Amino acid sequence: MTKPKLIVVDDDAGTRTFIRNVAEELGFEVGEAGTGKEFRDLYGDVHADMIILDIAMPEEQGVWLFDFIHDHHQ
């Protein structure tokens, strides 16, 4: 059985690590992105079942990434 896939998008490395640790204990395969660019690069390769998205990031707001997800959802 394959593990569900999660992408954590947050500019704070500590937050990403905390969420990764909890999610892996729950059986998720976890990908991380600290910027919008990292997320867009990862998104096409991972085919995530769930995304945890920080809305307030310094370079690219999470709401813009939400629009990207909506436009590229397959």
PDB file of N, CA and C in Angstrom:
ATOM      1  N   MET A   1       0.847  -1.184   0.000  1.00  0.00           N
ATOM      2  CA  MET A   1       0.000   0.000   0.000  1.00  0.00           C
ATOM      3  C   MET A   1       0.890   1.244   0.000  1.00  0.00           C
ATOM      4  N   THR A   2       0.567   2.193  -0.857  1.00  0.00           N
ATOM      5  CA  THR A   2       1.383   3.411  -0.919  1.00  0.00           C
ATOM      6  C   THR A   2       0.964   4.400   0.162  1.00  0.00           C
ATOM      7  N   LYS A   3       1.932   5.149   0.616  1.00  0.00           N
ATOM      8  CA  LYS A   3       1.665   6.166   1.631  1.00  0.00           C
ATOM      9  C   LYS A   3       1.006   7.379   0.991  1.00  0.00           C
ATOM     10  N   PRO A   4       0.097   8.049   1.718  1.00  0.00           N
ATOM     11  CA  PRO A   4      -0.435   9.307   1.202  1.00  0.00           C
ATOM     12  C   PRO A   4       0.684  10.351   1.173  1.00  0.00           C
ATOM     13  N   LYS A   5       0.599  11.263   0.212  1.00  0.00           N
ATOM     14  CA  LYS A   5       1.661  12.248   0.030  1.00  0.00           C
ATOM     15  C   LYS A   5       1.197  13.632   0.477  1.00  0.00           C
ATOM     16  N   LEU A   6       2.082  14.306   1.197  1.00  0.00           N
ATOM     17  CA  LEU A   6       1.816  15.630   1.745  1.00  0.00           C
ATOM     18  C   LEU A   6       2.944  16.567   1.340  1.00  0.00           C
ATOM     19  N   ILE A   7       2.598  17.790   0.951  1.00  0.00           N
ATOM     20  CA  ILE A   7       3.601  18.839   0.755  1.00  0.00           C
ATOM     21  C   ILE A   7       3.362  19.907   1.807  1.00  0.00           C
ATOM     22  N   VAL A   8       4.415  20.271   2.519  1.00  0.00           N
ATOM     23  CA  VAL A   8       4.368  21.332   3.509  1.00  0.00           C
ATOM     24  C   VAL A   8       5.068  22.547   2.918  1.00  0.00           C
ATOM     25  N   VAL A   9       4.352  23.659   2.819  1.00  0.00           N
ATOM     26  CA  VAL A   9       4.903  24.889   2.252  1.00  0.00           C
ATOM     27  C   VAL A   9       4.896  25.955   3.344  1.00  0.00           C
ATOM     28  N   ASP A  10       6.084  26.306   3.810  1.00  0.00           N
ATOM     29  CA  ASP A  10       6.216  27.316   4.858  1.00  0.00           C
ATOM     30  C   ASP A  10       7.625  27.869   4.807  1.00  0.00           C
ATOM     31  N   ASP A  11       7.753  29.174   4.980  1.00  0.00           N
ATOM     32  CA  ASP A  11       9.083  29.787   4.955  1.00  0.00           C
ATOM     33  C   ASP A  11       9.859  29.540   6.243  1.00  0.00           C
ATOM     34  N   ASP A  12       9.189  29.059   7.275  1.00  0.00           N
ATOM     35  CA  ASP A  12       9.848  28.777   8.551  1.00  0.00           C
ATOM     36  C   ASP A  12      10.270  27.302   8.608  1.00  0.00           C
ATOM     37  N   ALA A  13      11.586  27.075   8.626  1.00  0.00           N
ATOM     38  CA  ALA A  13      12.106  25.702   8.612  1.00  0.00           C
ATOM     39  C   ALA A  13      11.663  24.907   9.836  1.00  0.00           C
ATOM     40  N   GLY A  14      11.578  25.552  10.991  1.00  0.00           N
ATOM     41  CA  GLY A  14      11.146  24.859  12.200  1.00  0.00           C
ATOM     42  C   GLY A  14       9.718  24.350  12.096  1.00  0.00           C
ATOM     43  N   THR A  15       8.862  25.149  11.510  1.00  0.00           N
ATOM     44  CA  THR A  15       7.468  24.730  11.309  1.00  0.00           C
ATOM     45  C   THR A  15       7.394  23.544  10.356  1.00  0.00           C
ATOM     46  N   ARG A  16       8.160  23.627   9.259  1.00  0.00           N
ATOM     47  CA  ARG A  16       8.174  22.501   8.307  1.00  0.00           C
ATOM     48  C   ARG A  16       8.662  21.218   8.978  1.00  0.00           C
ATOM     49  N   THR A  17       9.707  21.322   9.780  1.00  0.00           N
ATOM     50  CA  THR A  17      10.253  20.146  10.461  1.00  0.00           C
ATOM     51  C   THR A  17       9.234  19.548  11.419  1.00  0.00           C
ATOM     52  N   PHE A  18       8.567  20.402  12.188  1.00  0.00           N
ATOM     53  CA  PHE A  18       7.558  19.921  13.141  1.00  0.00           C
ATOM     54  C   PHE A  18       6.439  19.177  12.407  1.00  0.00           C
ATOM     55  N   ILE A  19       5.911  19.797  11.345  1.00  0.00           N
ATOM     56  CA  ILE A  19       4.817  19.173  10.596  1.00  0.00           C
ATOM     57  C   ILE A  19       5.292  17.885   9.935  1.00  0.00           C
ATOM     58  N   ARG A  20       6.504  17.905   9.386  1.00  0.00           N
ATOM     59  CA  ARG A  20       7.058  16.687   8.770  1.00  0.00           C
ATOM     60  C   ARG A  20       7.106  15.547   9.782  1.00  0.00           C
ATOM     61  N   ASN A  21       7.639  15.817  10.961  1.00  0.00           N
ATOM     62  CA  ASN A  21       7.770  14.770  11.984  1.00  0.00           C
ATOM     63  C   ASN A  21       6.424  14.179  12.362  1.00  0.00           C
ATOM     64  N   VAL A  22       5.433  15.031  12.581  1.00  0.00           N
ATOM     65  CA  VAL A  22       4.102  14.552  12.947  1.00  0.00           C
ATOM     66  C   VAL A  22       3.482  13.762  11.792  1.00  0.00           C
ATOM     67  N   ALA A  23       3.583  14.312  10.588  1.00  0.00           N
ATOM     68  CA  ALA A  23       2.968  13.654   9.428  1.00  0.00           C
ATOM     69  C   ALA A  23       3.607  12.303   9.131  1.00  0.00           C
ATOM     70  N   GLU A  24       4.921  12.222   9.252  1.00  0.00           N
ATOM     71  CA  GLU A  24       5.583  10.938   9.010  1.00  0.00           C
ATOM     72  C   GLU A  24       5.166   9.905  10.050  1.00  0.00           C
ATOM     73  N   GLU A  25       4.978  10.325  11.287  1.00  0.00           N
ATOM     74  CA  GLU A  25       4.495   9.397  12.317  1.00  0.00           C
ATOM     75  C   GLU A  25       3.087   8.896  11.988  1.00  0.00           C
ATOM     76  N   LEU A  26       2.325   9.728  11.277  1.00  0.00           N
ATOM     77  CA  LEU A  26       0.970   9.351  10.883  1.00  0.00           C
ATOM     78  C   LEU A  26       0.940   8.554   9.576  1.00  0.00           C
ATOM     79  N   GLY A  27       2.112   8.347   8.969  1.00  0.00           N
ATOM     80  CA  GLY A  27       2.189   7.505   7.787  1.00  0.00           C
ATOM     81  C   GLY A  27       2.264   8.238   6.460  1.00  0.00           C
ATOM     82  N   PHE A  28       2.467   9.548   6.479  1.00  0.00           N
ATOM     83  CA  PHE A  28       2.577  10.313   5.235  1.00  0.00           C
ATOM     84  C   PHE A  28       3.998  10.291   4.689  1.00  0.00           C
ATOM     85  N   GLU A  29       4.104  10.357   3.374  1.00  0.00           N
ATOM     86  CA  GLU A  29       5.357  10.674   2.708  1.00  0.00           C
ATOM     87  C   GLU A  29       5.328  12.194   2.544  1.00  0.00           C
ATOM     88  N   VAL A  30       6.367  12.886   3.005  1.00  0.00           N
ATOM     89  CA  VAL A  30       6.317  14.344   3.088  1.00  0.00           C
ATOM     90  C   VAL A  30       7.370  15.004   2.205  1.00  0.00           C
ATOM     91  N   GLY A  31       6.921  15.993   1.425  1.00  0.00           N
ATOM     92  CA  GLY A  31       7.813  16.873   0.690  1.00  0.00           C
ATOM     93  C   GLY A  31       7.737  18.252   1.308  1.00  0.00           C
ATOM     94  N   GLU A  32       8.816  18.991   1.239  1.00  0.00           N
ATOM     95  CA  GLU A  32       8.856  20.324   1.846  1.00  0.00           C
ATOM     96  C   GLU A  32       9.248  21.370   0.830  1.00  0.00           C
ATOM     97  N   ALA A  33       8.704  22.571   1.005  1.00  0.00           N
ATOM     98  CA  ALA A  33       9.087  23.727   0.205  1.00  0.00           C
ATOM     99  C   ALA A  33       9.113  24.949   1.112  1.00  0.00           C
ATOM    100  N   GLY A  34      10.199  25.711   1.001  1.00  0.00           N
ATOM    101  CA  GLY A  34      10.340  26.914   1.808  1.00  0.00           C
ATOM    102  C   GLY A  34      10.008  28.187   1.060  1.00  0.00           C
ATOM    103  N   THR A  35       9.804  28.065  -0.256  1.00  0.00           N
ATOM    104  CA  THR A  35       9.454  29.218  -1.084  1.00  0.00           C
ATOM    105  C   THR A  35       8.411  28.791  -2.114  1.00  0.00           C
ATOM    106  N   GLY A  36       7.806  29.796  -2.731  1.00  0.00           N
ATOM    107  CA  GLY A  36       6.849  29.501  -3.786  1.00  0.00           C
ATOM    108  C   GLY A  36       7.487  28.776  -4.956  1.00  0.00           C
ATOM    109  N   LYS A  37       8.689  29.172  -5.325  1.00  0.00           N
ATOM    110  CA  LYS A  37       9.394  28.513  -6.435  1.00  0.00           C
ATOM    111  C   LYS A  37       9.668  27.050  -6.105  1.00  0.00           C
ATOM    112  N   GLU A  38      10.147  26.780  -4.892  1.00  0.00           N
ATOM    113  CA  GLU A  38      10.391  25.386  -4.495  1.00  0.00           C
ATOM    114  C   GLU A  38       9.096  24.581  -4.573  1.00  0.00           C
ATOM    115  N   PHE A  39       7.991  25.181  -4.145  1.00  0.00           N
ATOM    116  CA  PHE A  39       6.712  24.479  -4.197  1.00  0.00           C
ATOM    117  C   PHE A  39       6.317  24.163  -5.631  1.00  0.00           C
ATOM    118  N   ARG A  40       6.393  25.156  -6.522  1.00  0.00           N
ATOM    119  CA  ARG A  40       6.000  24.926  -7.912  1.00  0.00           C
ATOM    120  C   ARG A  40       6.871  23.853  -8.556  1.00  0.00           C
ATOM    121  N   ASP A  41       8.162  23.835  -8.238  1.00  0.00           N
ATOM    122  CA  ASP A  41       9.052  22.799  -8.768  1.00  0.00           C
ATOM    123  C   ASP A  41       8.663  21.415  -8.247  1.00  0.00           C
ATOM    124  N   LEU A  42       8.265  21.347  -6.985  1.00  0.00           N
ATOM    125  CA  LEU A  42       7.921  20.078  -6.347  1.00  0.00           C
ATOM    126  C   LEU A  42       6.525  19.605  -6.736  1.00  0.00           C
ATOM    127  N   TYR A  43       5.609  20.514  -6.934  1.00  0.00           N
ATOM    128  CA  TYR A  43       4.196  20.189  -7.147  1.00  0.00           C
ATOM    129  C   TYR A  43       3.977  19.233  -8.320  1.00  0.00           C
ATOM    130  N   GLY A  44       4.625  19.477  -9.430  1.00  0.00           N
ATOM    131  CA  GLY A  44       4.419  18.628 -10.600  1.00  0.00           C
ATOM    132  C   GLY A  44       4.973  17.228 -10.439  1.00  0.00           C
ATOM    133  N   ASP A  45       5.964  17.060  -9.566  1.00  0.00           N
ATOM    134  CA  ASP A  45       6.606  15.759  -9.387  1.00  0.00           C
ATOM    135  C   ASP A  45       5.945  14.896  -8.318  1.00  0.00           C
ATOM    136  N   VAL A  46       5.311  15.505  -7.347  1.00  0.00           N
ATOM    137  CA  VAL A  46       4.852  14.764  -6.171  1.00  0.00           C
ATOM    138  C   VAL A  46       3.424  14.259  -6.286  1.00  0.00           C
ATOM    139  N   HIS A  47       2.519  14.980  -6.910  1.00  0.00           N
ATOM    140  CA  HIS A  47       1.104  14.605  -6.972  1.00  0.00           C
ATOM    141  C   HIS A  47       0.552  14.364  -5.565  1.00  0.00           C
ATOM    142  N   ALA A  48       0.585  15.418  -4.773  1.00  0.00           N
ATOM    143  CA  ALA A  48       0.226  15.334  -3.359  1.00  0.00           C
ATOM    144  C   ALA A  48      -1.252  15.052  -3.146  1.00  0.00           C
ATOM    145  N   ASP A  49      -1.520  14.310  -2.070  1.00  0.00           N
ATOM    146  CA  ASP A  49      -2.887  14.087  -1.618  1.00  0.00           C
ATOM    147  C   ASP A  49      -3.356  15.234  -0.737  1.00  0.00           C
ATOM    148  N   MET A  50      -2.387  15.911  -0.097  1.00  0.00           N
ATOM    149  CA  MET A  50      -2.706  17.015   0.798  1.00  0.00           C
ATOM    150  C   MET A  50      -1.567  18.024   0.746  1.00  0.00           C
ATOM    151  N   ILE A  51      -1.926  19.307   0.884  1.00  0.00           N
ATOM    152  CA  ILE A  51      -0.939  20.384   0.938  1.00  0.00           C
ATOM    153  C   ILE A  51      -1.244  21.250   2.148  1.00  0.00           C
ATOM    154  N   ILE A  52      -0.224  21.490   2.965  1.00  0.00           N
ATOM    155  CA  ILE A  52      -0.343  22.451   4.060  1.00  0.00           C
ATOM    156  C   ILE A  52       0.411  23.685   3.594  1.00  0.00           C
ATOM    157  N   LEU A  53      -0.313  24.793   3.461  1.00  0.00           N
ATOM    158  CA  LEU A  53       0.200  25.978   2.798  1.00  0.00           C
ATOM    159  C   LEU A  53       0.179  27.181   3.731  1.00  0.00           C
ATOM    160  N   ASP A  54       1.354  27.756   3.990  1.00  0.00           N
ATOM    161  CA  ASP A  54       1.461  28.994   4.758  1.00  0.00           C
ATOM    162  C   ASP A  54       0.933  30.129   3.888  1.00  0.00           C
ATOM    163  N   ILE A  55       0.000  30.882   4.398  1.00  0.00           N
ATOM    164  CA  ILE A  55      -0.610  31.956   3.623  1.00  0.00           C
ATOM    165  C   ILE A  55       0.284  33.196   3.580  1.00  0.00           C
ATOM    166  N   ALA A  56       1.002  33.495   4.668  1.00  0.00           N
ATOM    167  CA  ALA A  56       1.822  34.713   4.746  1.00  0.00           C
ATOM    168  C   ALA A  56       3.300  34.360   4.659  1.00  0.00           C
ATOM    169  N   MET A  57       3.845  34.449   3.453  1.00  0.00           N
ATOM    170  CA  MET A  57       5.274  34.213   3.243  1.00  0.00           C
ATOM    171  C   MET A  57       5.869  35.476   2.631  1.00  0.00           C
ATOM    172  N   PRO A  58       7.148  35.740   2.869  1.00  0.00           N
ATOM    173  CA  PRO A  58       7.716  37.020   2.471  1.00  0.00           C
ATOM    174  C   PRO A  58       7.821  37.266   0.964  1.00  0.00           C
ATOM    175  N   GLU A  59       8.195  36.281   0.183  1.00  0.00           N
ATOM    176  CA  GLU A  59       8.423  36.521  -1.234  1.00  0.00           C
ATOM    177  C   GLU A  59       7.179  36.287  -2.090  1.00  0.00           C
ATOM    178  N   GLU A  60       6.425  35.291  -1.769  1.00  0.00           N
ATOM    179  CA  GLU A  60       5.251  34.943  -2.562  1.00  0.00           C
ATOM    180  C   GLU A  60       4.157  34.471  -1.615  1.00  0.00           C
ATOM    181  N   GLN A  61       3.069  35.172  -1.594  1.00  0.00           N
ATOM    182  CA  GLN A  61       1.980  34.860  -0.677  1.00  0.00           C
ATOM    183  C   GLN A  61       1.341  33.515  -0.995  1.00  0.00           C
ATOM    184  N   GLY A  62       0.947  32.817   0.059  1.00  0.00           N
ATOM    185  CA  GLY A  62       0.310  31.517  -0.108  1.00  0.00           C
ATOM    186  C   GLY A  62      -0.971  31.562  -0.917  1.00  0.00           C
ATOM    187  N   VAL A  63      -1.701  32.682  -0.850  1.00  0.00           N
ATOM    188  CA  VAL A  63      -2.933  32.764  -1.641  1.00  0.00           C
ATOM    189  C   VAL A  63      -2.617  32.732  -3.128  1.00  0.00           C
ATOM    190  N   TRP A  64      -1.467  33.248  -3.546  1.00  0.00           N
ATOM    191  CA  TRP A  64      -1.067  33.161  -4.949  1.00  0.00           C
ATOM    192  C   TRP A  64      -0.769  31.707  -5.315  1.00  0.00           C
ATOM    193  N   LEU A  65      -0.157  30.988  -4.366  1.00  0.00           N
ATOM    194  CA  LEU A  65       0.120  29.572  -4.618  1.00  0.00           C
ATOM    195  C   LEU A  65      -1.168  28.767  -4.674  1.00  0.00           C
ATOM    196  N   PHE A  66      -2.160  29.178  -3.894  1.00  0.00           N
ATOM    197  CA  PHE A  66      -3.455  28.512  -3.962  1.00  0.00           C
ATOM    198  C   PHE A  66      -4.032  28.647  -5.370  1.00  0.00           C
ATOM    199  N   ASP A  67      -3.905  29.839  -5.950  1.00  0.00           N
ATOM    200  CA  ASP A  67      -4.367  30.034  -7.331  1.00  0.00           C
ATOM    201  C   ASP A  67      -3.602  29.128  -8.293  1.00  0.00           C
ATOM    202  N   PHE A  68      -2.278  28.984  -8.076  1.00  0.00           N
ATOM    203  CA  PHE A  68      -1.458  28.085  -8.903  1.00  0.00           C
ATOM    204  C   PHE A  68      -1.975  26.652  -8.802  1.00  0.00           C
ATOM    205  N   ILE A  69      -2.263  26.206  -7.584  1.00  0.00           N
ATOM    206  CA  ILE A  69      -2.784  24.848  -7.383  1.00  0.00           C
ATOM    207  C   ILE A  69      -4.103  24.689  -8.137  1.00  0.00           C
ATOM    208  N   HIS A  70      -4.966  25.651  -7.982  1.00  0.00           N
ATOM    209  CA  HIS A  70      -6.278  25.595  -8.639  1.00  0.00           C
ATOM    210  C   HIS A  70      -6.118  25.516 -10.152  1.00  0.00           C
ATOM    211  N   ASP A  71      -5.228  26.312 -10.712  1.00  0.00           N
ATOM    212  CA  ASP A  71      -5.019  26.340 -12.154  1.00  0.00           C
ATOM    213  C   ASP A  71      -4.340  25.082 -12.694  1.00  0.00           C
ATOM    214  N   HIS A  72      -3.566  24.380 -11.859  1.00  0.00           N
ATOM    215  CA  HIS A  72      -2.791  23.223 -12.326  1.00  0.00           C
ATOM    216  C   HIS A  72      -3.277  21.877 -11.776  1.00  0.00           C
ATOM    217  N   HIS A  73      -4.366  21.889 -11.068  1.00  0.00           N
ATOM    218  CA  HIS A  73      -4.892  20.634 -10.509  1.00  0.00           C
ATOM    219  C   HIS A  73      -5.338  19.720 -11.653  1.00  0.00           C
ATOM    220  N   GLN A  74      -4.939  18.467 -11.562  1.00  0.00           N
ATOM    221  CA  GLN A  74      -5.259  17.511 -12.628  1.00  0.00           C
ATOM    222  C   GLN A  74      -6.268  16.518 -12.170  1.00  0.00           C
TER     223      GLN A  74
END
